[in-house]
Protein backbone atom coordinates (compact mmCIF):
# COMPACT_ATOMS: atom_id res chain seq x y z
CA MET A 1 26.70 -22.02 -10.67
CA VAL A 2 26.76 -19.29 -8.29
CA ALA A 3 25.46 -15.69 -8.68
CA ALA A 4 26.02 -13.64 -5.67
CA GLU A 5 25.81 -10.17 -4.30
CA ALA A 6 27.68 -9.34 -1.07
CA GLU A 7 27.77 -6.33 1.01
CA LEU A 8 30.41 -5.93 3.73
CA VAL A 9 30.24 -3.10 6.30
CA CYS A 10 33.29 -2.73 8.74
CA GLN A 11 33.53 -0.26 11.40
CA GLN A 12 36.70 -0.23 13.49
CA SER A 13 36.68 2.23 16.24
CA SER A 14 35.60 5.13 13.97
CA ILE A 15 39.01 4.86 12.25
CA ILE A 16 38.16 2.51 9.41
CA SER A 17 34.74 2.07 7.60
CA VAL A 18 35.02 -0.35 4.72
CA GLN A 19 32.22 -1.23 2.35
CA TYR A 20 32.43 -3.71 -0.43
CA LEU A 21 29.90 -3.86 -3.12
CA CYS A 22 30.92 -7.01 -5.01
CA VAL A 23 29.04 -8.82 -7.81
CA PRO A 24 31.11 -11.94 -8.65
CA ASN A 25 30.39 -13.55 -12.07
CA PRO A 26 29.67 -17.24 -12.39
CA ILE A 27 32.11 -19.48 -13.99
CA ASP A 28 31.24 -20.46 -17.41
CA ASN A 29 29.29 -23.63 -17.81
CA HIS A 30 32.11 -25.81 -19.33
CA PHE A 31 34.29 -25.45 -16.16
CA LEU A 32 31.86 -27.72 -14.26
CA ASP A 33 30.78 -30.04 -16.91
CA VAL A 34 31.82 -33.12 -14.97
CA SER A 35 29.86 -35.70 -16.67
CA SER A 36 31.68 -38.79 -17.60
CA PRO A 37 31.79 -39.56 -21.22
CA THR A 38 31.48 -43.24 -20.77
CA SER A 39 28.99 -43.29 -17.78
CA THR A 40 25.66 -41.97 -16.95
CA PRO A 41 25.93 -38.23 -16.31
CA PRO A 42 25.52 -36.99 -12.78
CA LYS A 43 22.18 -35.82 -11.80
CA ALA A 44 21.87 -32.18 -11.18
CA SER A 45 19.75 -31.06 -8.25
CA PRO A 46 19.18 -27.38 -8.19
CA ILE A 47 18.88 -25.71 -4.83
CA ALA A 48 16.38 -22.76 -4.58
CA SER A 49 17.77 -19.42 -4.20
CA GLU A 50 17.83 -18.25 -0.39
CA SER A 51 19.09 -15.46 1.54
CA VAL A 52 21.93 -16.05 4.20
CA SER A 53 22.57 -13.38 6.87
CA PHE A 54 25.15 -13.51 9.58
CA ASP A 55 26.55 -11.05 12.06
CA ILE A 56 29.90 -11.57 13.84
CA SER A 57 31.27 -9.37 16.35
CA LEU A 58 35.00 -8.82 16.68
CA SER A 59 36.96 -7.04 19.12
CA GLU A 60 37.70 -4.11 16.74
CA SER A 61 35.16 -4.45 14.04
CA VAL A 62 31.49 -5.60 13.11
CA VAL A 63 31.15 -7.40 9.96
CA SER A 64 27.59 -7.89 8.41
CA CYS A 65 27.54 -10.01 5.21
CA LYS A 66 24.38 -10.79 3.13
CA THR A 67 24.51 -13.25 0.31
CA SER A 68 21.99 -14.39 -2.06
CA PHE A 69 22.81 -17.10 -4.51
CA GLN A 70 21.74 -20.13 -6.40
CA THR A 71 23.75 -23.47 -6.62
CA THR A 72 23.76 -26.70 -8.62
CA ILE A 73 24.90 -29.53 -6.64
CA LEU A 74 26.33 -32.29 -8.71
CA GLU A 75 25.20 -35.73 -7.61
CA SER A 76 26.44 -39.14 -8.36
CA SER A 77 24.87 -42.73 -8.14
CA SER A 78 28.05 -43.85 -6.26
CA SER A 79 26.74 -42.41 -2.93
CA ASN A 80 28.89 -44.84 -1.04
CA PHE A 81 32.24 -43.68 -2.49
CA VAL A 82 34.54 -42.08 -0.09
CA PRO A 83 38.00 -40.75 -1.33
CA SER A 84 41.31 -41.80 0.07
CA ILE A 85 43.21 -38.60 0.54
CA ARG A 86 46.79 -38.30 0.21
CA SER A 87 48.70 -35.26 -1.13
CA GLY A 88 52.17 -33.82 -2.11
CA SER A 89 53.53 -30.40 -2.75
CA HIS A 90 56.51 -28.50 -3.97
CA THR A 91 57.49 -24.81 -4.39
CA ASP A 92 60.31 -22.96 -6.10
CA GLN A 93 61.29 -19.55 -6.35
CA GLY A 94 62.21 -19.76 -9.99
CA CYS A 95 64.08 -16.81 -11.51
CA ARG A 96 62.64 -14.47 -8.93
CA GLU A 97 64.89 -13.09 -6.22
CA SER A 98 62.60 -14.43 -3.50
CA ASN A 99 59.69 -16.74 -3.24
CA GLU A 100 56.42 -14.82 -2.38
CA ASP A 101 54.36 -18.02 -2.50
CA GLU A 102 53.01 -19.85 0.59
CA HIS A 103 50.84 -22.92 0.55
CA ILE A 104 49.11 -25.29 3.10
CA CYS A 105 48.66 -29.28 2.83
CA ILE A 106 46.55 -30.81 5.47
CA ASP A 107 45.44 -34.27 4.78
CA ASP A 108 43.64 -34.78 8.01
CA LEU A 109 41.94 -31.59 9.18
CA SER A 110 40.35 -33.08 12.25
CA ALA A 111 43.85 -33.76 13.67
CA HIS A 112 44.35 -30.00 13.88
CA LEU A 113 40.79 -28.83 14.81
CA GLY A 114 38.95 -31.93 16.06
CA TYR A 115 35.68 -32.94 14.33
CA LEU A 116 34.58 -30.03 12.26
CA PHE A 117 30.99 -28.98 11.87
CA GLY A 118 29.82 -31.68 14.45
CA CYS A 119 30.26 -34.22 11.84
CA PRO A 120 32.58 -37.23 11.81
CA HIS A 121 33.48 -37.27 8.18
CA ARG A 122 37.17 -37.02 7.24
CA SER A 123 38.18 -33.53 6.25
CA ALA A 124 41.24 -32.07 4.48
CA PHE A 125 42.32 -28.50 3.60
CA TYR A 126 44.55 -27.18 1.00
CA ALA A 127 45.66 -23.52 -0.05
CA VAL A 128 47.87 -21.64 -2.20
CA PHE A 129 48.68 -17.91 -1.39
CA ASP A 130 50.60 -16.12 -4.19
CA GLY A 131 52.03 -12.99 -2.81
CA HIS A 132 52.96 -9.82 -4.65
CA GLY A 133 53.96 -6.22 -4.02
CA GLY A 134 57.54 -7.12 -3.21
CA SER A 135 56.86 -9.11 -0.35
CA ASN A 136 55.23 -12.29 0.93
CA ALA A 137 54.05 -10.61 4.17
CA ALA A 138 50.27 -10.98 3.20
CA ALA A 139 50.77 -14.57 2.10
CA ALA A 140 52.80 -15.57 5.21
CA PHE A 141 50.12 -13.97 7.43
CA LEU A 142 47.28 -15.86 5.91
CA LYS A 143 49.40 -19.15 6.17
CA GLU A 144 50.23 -18.69 9.92
CA ASN A 145 46.78 -17.74 10.68
CA ALA A 146 44.68 -20.00 8.37
CA MET A 147 43.16 -22.14 11.04
CA ARG A 148 41.80 -19.33 12.91
CA LEU A 149 40.79 -17.11 9.78
CA PHE A 150 39.13 -19.93 7.72
CA PHE A 151 37.79 -21.98 10.48
CA GLU A 152 37.82 -20.83 14.06
CA ASP A 153 36.43 -17.37 13.43
CA ALA A 154 34.23 -18.30 10.39
CA ASN A 155 31.24 -19.32 12.34
CA LEU A 156 31.05 -22.78 10.64
CA PRO A 157 27.80 -24.50 10.49
CA GLN A 158 27.20 -27.52 12.58
CA THR A 159 25.38 -30.53 11.51
CA SER A 160 25.16 -34.26 12.21
CA ASP A 161 24.64 -35.05 8.43
CA ILE A 162 25.80 -33.24 5.30
CA ASP A 163 22.67 -32.01 3.24
CA ASP A 164 22.04 -29.20 0.82
CA LEU A 165 21.42 -26.57 3.28
CA PHE A 166 24.43 -27.37 5.30
CA LEU A 167 26.60 -27.08 1.97
CA GLU A 168 25.14 -23.70 1.23
CA LYS A 169 25.83 -22.47 4.78
CA LEU A 170 29.24 -23.91 4.26
CA LYS A 171 29.81 -21.84 1.22
CA GLY A 172 28.52 -18.65 2.77
CA SER A 173 30.80 -19.18 5.96
CA HIS A 174 33.95 -19.64 3.75
CA ARG A 175 33.13 -16.66 1.52
CA LYS A 176 32.69 -14.61 4.58
CA ALA A 177 36.07 -16.00 5.76
CA PHE A 178 37.94 -14.42 2.78
CA LEU A 179 36.51 -11.07 3.56
CA LEU A 180 37.43 -11.25 7.22
CA ALA A 181 40.91 -12.31 6.39
CA ASP A 182 41.10 -9.33 4.20
CA GLN A 183 40.12 -7.13 6.93
CA ALA A 184 42.64 -8.79 9.12
CA LEU A 185 45.51 -7.84 6.67
CA ALA A 186 44.23 -4.09 7.07
CA ARG A 187 44.75 -4.12 10.66
CA GLU A 188 47.87 -6.23 10.58
CA GLN A 189 50.82 -3.72 11.15
CA ASN A 190 53.56 -5.93 9.62
CA VAL A 191 51.84 -6.17 6.36
CA PRO A 192 52.35 -3.00 4.28
CA ILE A 193 49.42 -1.59 2.41
CA TYR A 194 51.02 -2.07 -0.94
CA CYS A 195 51.31 -5.94 -0.17
CA GLY A 196 48.75 -8.32 -1.02
CA THR A 197 48.22 -12.05 -2.22
CA THR A 198 45.82 -14.08 -4.32
CA ALA A 199 44.22 -17.12 -2.49
CA LEU A 200 42.73 -20.32 -3.46
CA THR A 201 41.33 -22.99 -0.99
CA ALA A 202 40.16 -26.50 -1.19
CA VAL A 203 38.12 -28.02 1.52
CA LEU A 204 37.33 -31.82 1.40
CA LEU A 205 34.62 -33.03 3.68
CA GLY A 206 33.89 -36.65 3.02
CA ARG A 207 33.27 -36.84 -0.73
CA HIS A 208 32.24 -33.12 -0.90
CA LEU A 209 34.94 -30.72 -2.57
CA MET A 210 34.65 -26.88 -2.13
CA ILE A 211 37.01 -24.66 -3.94
CA ALA A 212 37.20 -20.78 -3.15
CA ASN A 213 39.38 -18.47 -5.32
CA ALA A 214 40.10 -14.94 -5.32
CA GLY A 215 42.84 -14.14 -8.02
CA ASP A 216 44.59 -16.23 -10.57
CA CYS A 217 45.68 -19.42 -8.80
CA ARG A 218 43.80 -22.35 -10.29
CA ALA A 219 42.32 -25.68 -9.23
CA VAL A 220 41.94 -28.48 -11.89
CA LEU A 221 40.25 -31.74 -11.26
CA CYS A 222 41.02 -34.89 -13.23
CA ARG A 223 38.10 -37.10 -13.81
CA LYS A 224 38.66 -40.17 -15.93
CA GLY A 225 41.72 -38.39 -17.49
CA VAL A 226 39.72 -35.31 -18.37
CA PRO A 227 40.70 -32.10 -16.80
CA ILE A 228 37.96 -30.07 -15.18
CA GLN A 229 38.85 -26.53 -14.35
CA MET A 230 37.33 -25.81 -10.91
CA SER A 231 38.23 -22.03 -10.60
CA GLN A 232 38.22 -18.96 -12.84
CA ASP A 233 41.26 -16.84 -13.22
CA HIS A 234 40.36 -13.30 -12.12
CA ARG A 235 42.32 -11.35 -14.60
CA PRO A 236 41.65 -8.16 -16.42
CA SER A 237 41.54 -9.97 -19.56
CA TYR A 238 38.40 -11.99 -18.37
CA SER A 239 35.47 -10.00 -19.86
CA PRO A 240 33.06 -10.38 -16.96
CA GLU A 241 35.75 -9.24 -14.47
CA ARG A 242 36.58 -6.28 -16.72
CA ARG A 243 32.88 -5.29 -16.77
CA ARG A 244 32.73 -5.50 -12.96
CA VAL A 245 35.78 -3.32 -12.51
CA GLU A 246 34.59 -0.59 -14.99
CA GLU A 247 31.08 -0.58 -13.40
CA LEU A 248 32.72 0.17 -9.85
CA GLY A 249 34.79 2.98 -11.34
CA GLY A 250 38.10 1.26 -12.04
CA CYS A 251 39.98 1.02 -15.33
CA ILE A 252 42.16 -1.62 -17.16
CA GLU A 253 45.40 -0.03 -18.30
CA TYR A 254 47.91 -2.01 -20.42
CA GLY A 255 46.18 -5.18 -19.06
CA TYR A 256 46.50 -3.98 -15.43
CA LEU A 257 43.91 -3.04 -12.81
CA ASN A 258 44.22 0.62 -12.52
CA GLY A 259 47.62 0.12 -14.10
CA ASP A 260 48.98 -1.58 -11.08
CA LEU A 261 47.65 -5.18 -10.69
CA ALA A 262 47.57 -8.06 -12.97
CA VAL A 263 44.65 -9.56 -10.98
CA THR A 264 41.10 -8.14 -10.28
CA ARG A 265 40.73 -10.03 -6.90
CA ALA A 266 43.15 -10.30 -4.11
CA LEU A 267 43.38 -10.07 -0.31
CA GLY A 268 45.37 -7.05 1.01
CA ASP A 269 46.53 -4.18 -1.34
CA TRP A 270 44.67 -1.89 0.67
CA PHE A 271 46.29 1.12 -1.14
CA MET A 272 43.80 0.15 -3.96
CA LYS A 273 40.93 -0.39 -1.63
CA LEU A 274 41.06 3.37 -0.35
CA PRO A 275 39.13 5.74 0.32
CA PHE A 276 37.61 3.63 2.96
CA GLY A 277 33.76 3.19 2.90
CA SER A 278 33.79 3.21 -0.96
CA ALA A 279 33.13 0.42 -3.42
CA SER A 280 36.42 -0.98 -4.60
CA PRO A 281 37.14 -2.62 -8.01
CA LEU A 282 39.70 -4.79 -6.32
CA THR A 283 37.87 -7.19 -4.07
CA ALA A 284 38.59 -10.20 -1.83
CA GLU A 285 35.20 -11.63 -2.60
CA PRO A 286 35.96 -15.18 -3.83
CA ASP A 287 34.14 -17.46 -6.30
CA VAL A 288 33.00 -20.55 -4.47
CA GLU A 289 32.27 -23.90 -6.32
CA GLN A 290 31.67 -27.28 -5.01
CA ILE A 291 30.98 -30.68 -6.43
CA ILE A 292 30.57 -34.26 -5.11
CA LEU A 293 33.33 -36.69 -5.85
CA THR A 294 32.94 -39.99 -7.68
CA GLU A 295 35.09 -43.04 -8.09
CA ASP A 296 35.92 -41.53 -11.60
CA ASP A 297 37.81 -38.57 -9.87
CA GLU A 298 41.57 -39.33 -9.84
CA PHE A 299 43.31 -36.36 -8.40
CA LEU A 300 43.20 -32.49 -8.00
CA ILE A 301 45.91 -29.96 -8.93
CA VAL A 302 46.16 -26.66 -6.96
CA ALA A 303 48.78 -24.44 -8.35
CA CYS A 304 49.75 -20.80 -8.65
CA ASP A 305 49.66 -18.84 -11.82
CA GLY A 306 53.37 -19.46 -12.50
CA ILE A 307 52.51 -23.03 -13.54
CA TRP A 308 49.47 -22.20 -15.78
CA GLU A 309 51.31 -19.56 -17.54
CA VAL A 310 53.54 -22.20 -19.23
CA MET A 311 51.26 -25.24 -19.00
CA SER A 312 47.58 -26.02 -20.12
CA ASN A 313 45.30 -27.97 -17.95
CA GLU A 314 45.55 -30.95 -20.30
CA GLU A 315 49.30 -30.85 -20.10
CA ALA A 316 49.49 -30.54 -16.18
CA VAL A 317 46.91 -33.42 -15.96
CA SER A 318 48.68 -35.71 -18.41
CA LEU A 319 51.92 -35.22 -16.61
CA VAL A 320 50.48 -36.06 -13.25
CA GLN A 321 48.95 -39.29 -14.64
CA ARG A 322 52.28 -40.37 -16.28
CA GLU A 323 53.97 -39.83 -12.91
CA LEU A 324 51.47 -41.54 -10.82
CA ARG A 325 51.70 -44.67 -13.17
CA ARG A 326 55.46 -44.57 -12.62
CA HIS A 327 55.57 -44.15 -8.81
CA ASP A 328 52.20 -43.47 -7.35
CA ASP A 329 53.68 -40.55 -5.26
CA PRO A 330 51.70 -37.30 -5.25
CA ASN A 331 54.79 -35.33 -3.86
CA GLN A 332 56.87 -36.48 -6.77
CA CYS A 333 54.18 -35.32 -9.04
CA ALA A 334 54.25 -31.94 -7.54
CA ILE A 335 57.97 -31.79 -7.94
CA LYS A 336 57.71 -32.84 -11.60
CA LEU A 337 55.08 -30.22 -12.22
CA VAL A 338 57.31 -27.43 -10.92
CA ASN A 339 60.42 -28.83 -12.67
CA GLU A 340 58.52 -29.06 -15.91
CA ALA A 341 57.43 -25.42 -15.53
CA LEU A 342 61.02 -24.31 -14.94
CA ARG A 343 61.99 -26.36 -18.09
CA LEU A 344 59.50 -24.39 -20.02
CA HIS A 345 61.16 -21.11 -18.93
CA ALA A 346 58.62 -19.97 -16.33
CA THR A 347 59.17 -16.42 -15.07
CA ASP A 348 57.28 -16.50 -11.86
CA ASN A 349 57.45 -18.17 -8.49
CA LEU A 350 56.11 -21.81 -8.89
CA THR A 351 54.01 -23.74 -6.34
CA ALA A 352 51.97 -26.97 -6.95
CA ILE A 353 49.88 -29.27 -4.80
CA VAL A 354 48.66 -32.60 -5.95
CA VAL A 355 45.81 -34.40 -3.97
CA CYS A 356 45.09 -37.86 -4.86
CA PHE A 357 41.83 -39.53 -4.29
CA THR A 358 42.71 -43.18 -4.57
CA SER A 359 44.52 -45.49 -2.15
CA PRO A 360 48.24 -46.09 -2.87
CA VAL A 361 48.96 -48.87 -5.30
CA CYS A 362 50.34 -52.00 -3.76
CA ARG A 363 53.61 -52.77 -5.55
CA GLU A 364 54.72 -56.41 -4.77
CA SER A 365 58.17 -57.16 -6.11
CA ALA A 366 57.77 -59.32 -9.09
CA THR A 367 58.94 -62.92 -8.73
CA GLN A 368 62.51 -63.09 -9.93
CA ARG A 369 63.02 -65.53 -12.91
CA PRO A 370 65.77 -67.99 -12.53
CA ARG A 371 68.87 -66.88 -14.40
CA LEU A 372 70.25 -69.09 -17.21
CA ARG A 373 73.92 -69.64 -17.79
CA CYS A 374 75.28 -69.89 -21.04
CA CYS A 375 78.12 -72.55 -21.11
CA SER A 376 80.56 -73.25 -23.96
CA LEU A 377 81.63 -76.87 -24.60
CA SER A 378 84.87 -77.99 -25.74
CA GLU A 379 85.23 -79.94 -29.17
CA GLU A 380 85.54 -83.25 -27.30
CA ALA A 381 82.32 -82.53 -25.06
CA ARG A 382 80.26 -81.64 -28.29
CA ASN A 383 81.25 -85.00 -29.99
CA ARG A 384 80.48 -87.03 -27.00
CA LEU A 385 77.07 -85.27 -26.69
CA ARG A 386 76.46 -85.66 -30.37
CA SER A 387 77.13 -89.40 -30.11
CA PHE A 388 74.85 -89.71 -27.10
CA LEU A 389 71.86 -88.00 -28.87
CA GLU A 390 72.49 -90.18 -31.96
CA GLY A 391 72.58 -93.42 -29.89
CA LYS A 392 76.03 -94.25 -30.89
């Protein structure tokens, strides 16, 4: 679990001075109860709380982030397991006039960026950006600049081996990347201040899975058929988020943050983060969770809130399981998820990503049985056959 306090100070040529004071609340315990009901539960290895500080100088801003958090890394006896990664995705505007969603599917991240972190483990990256404010400008900006914002400018830790310290630094780096991306949106002239987006990212490094979320997109892991929610929906109805908002001077009106937004965390929406320099009830600070995958892990679903408004975690996992048994194609599974949400009268844009952790099933064509022909005999032939069988 992660308890974090972060402070972001941004000075931009004496024009913009931004300060976040964000205290994200940990996800409830049941979200990360990944123990298998039929196998020995994974061993938890607590990591002592430590402070991580980093300073990054940009051409127009200086960002200073300080984080202090405690994490439980879930370990497994299957230390030799390495997931075989393959994915599929689908999006549909649904009943909306336009599609404000954007998404990213990269099964081989090293092909885009080379070996990350100085470590040769296979890596992958997935993201869903659910735009709002009448435009997909913020979501499109994040998609177009994702490699730079989340990796190249994020001061990624370097290592020849993945250990607990590296994973903690990786979490801090990805958390900082969300805040830097938010600052980039503030500077982007093509993104109106009334436009924003939620964001959920999934990074795979070997068998290590890290989920970062700001908003109400959701990631659900299927382990031995059991859904495990890997992210918390940041909505005003979630009591820890409501308390955080109210402590920072915000209010919830008719189920909306300050009467305007249906989420309490998002990137962009700078009209709600003014005046500059003040603490904001709306924050881009993500919750970051990570686990170690085991051979019991089948697939991960990453989807926007339009899917989850009409389907439960259990229903989505069951649907993907059925589809995988039929054709073993994650892309067809993503299409089926979106189409099922449409059938259930979803009212929002719809985007789904399905990431499988197992190799494709080899489907050899079954041996064809010989066809039998049914023949009719004439009366004379039947009599002759009868006489032959009776020995006459």
